Amino acid sequence: MLAGGRNLPLTFLSLTNRGLWTRKNFKPLPALCSSASTLSSILPSPPSSTPSHSFLSTRQTSAPLHPPVCFSSTRCLSHSAHCTGLMELKQVLQVLEQLAPLSLAESWDNVGLLVEPSKPRPVKTILLTNDLTAAVMEEAEAASCDLIISYHPPLFRPIKRLVQKDWKQRLAVRAVEAGIAVFSPHTSWDSVKGGVNDWLVGGLGSGRVSVLSQALGGASHSHKLEFTVRSTEELNTVMEELKAVDGGTTLQHTASRPDSGGIPVSITCSDSALTPSVQTLLRHSTPSQSLSILKLEKPPLPGHGQGRLSVLDEPVTVATAIQKMKSHLGLSHLRLALGSGQTMESSVSTVAVCAGSGASVLSGVKADLYVTGEMSHHEVLDAAANGTSVILSDHSNSERGFLAVFRERLAVRLPDVVTVMVSKADRDPLEVV
């Protein structure tokens, strides 16, 4: 699993009277956001930018964002669905989006609705699985499922044909023929607060938990343009021209009270609207002489992101940590690499976890113990040499146990007539023999 993005330095571009661009970098300041406690509909639109009353070259500017949600904080989306006892696929998808917004997924991932039946039908039976295999598909067909939620996306890389030679393509064809929708949340479940990684780190007990690779908020507006106009008439003219080149769909603007230098104006716009907006402003003498461009930082989403680090309230020994994780994951065997100088009785007070393949997220993290599904031979050697013990469960075993937790959280948000099942055929392909 790849590490999430990082805050980049704020780049400030200003246009001088000579028409030259100058560049200055400013250190980002932390931005805060709050999680929505309850939602009765889809996520709200991002808030408008705060009006600017004066230009300060050292000001940090953060982008507006959709407030994130966590698994334990949302309510059922559709009251009408409870009244009718029926729920359409799009309504179920909205509930899934509430539980874990797809915007939290990694950029390389392939999440969301992967297979959509041509004929809509009420969703009455949902099957949860970690992987969509032939055995799981047979289970879904036998149960007359309407929707399969497969944690790992069964369709990941682009395909040019649907043929019977490839096992994943065969499953996609079977889903289409059976009228079964297929949805994958993958790294959105990993990232969201209360998701897979919070469940995984909870296996060792309570503690002070922090995110290893911070998720950042998305924003429709990526740049802020600040300039001055001489009069209200010029402001109206400029804004009409800007709306014309942008289609009037993405621009947001605020104007401050006039001062001796004119009327300060601030505009936020998208990437696609940046170039035509700048070209428009350069055609006006006063705005062109005062124009500055700020790139909006994406603010961090507290509690959301890849991987977790827990400072345990009650430290445990390595031997106890192994037993706790066996019980938590429902496994009889785990693989252990003792850190340099460590024994089975060594104390574990800090643990870093990442569901699945966690080396890219765990690398360089200072902790007494790493817990993940899989790491390469050399990645394990590096961790052990640095004094960190490593517990490996095999890839999907570090994730599968969360399905039962999610089943409860999803079921209470759907009508009683909808059955949510956890696959009995789903299992890790590797086993100890």
Foldseek 3Di string as FASTA:
>chain_A
DAFADDWDWWWKWWQAPVRDTDIDTAHADADADDADQEDQAAFDDWDDADDDADDDPRDAFAFTFTHAYALVRYFFHDPVCQVVVWDWPVSLQRVVCNHFNLLLAHPLWDFFWDAAEPDIDTFQEEEEFQADAPVLLVVCVVVLGQEYEHQHDLDRDDDDDQDDPDRSSVSNVSCRVSNHIYGYSHVSQQFHFNHLQVLLVCLQPDFDKFALRWGFGDHQFFKKKKFFDADPVVVVVLVVQLCVQVVVPFKDKDWHDADPLHIIMMITGGPVSVVVSLVSQCVDVRRSNGIMMITHITHTNTNGTFKMKGQHPDKAFQLVSVVSSCVSLVHPDKDKDFAVPHDRGDIFRMEIEGAFECLNRCPPDDGQEYEYADDDPVSCVVCSPVRHMYIHNHHCSSGLSCLVVVQVSSCSNGHVSHHYHYDPPHDHPDDDD
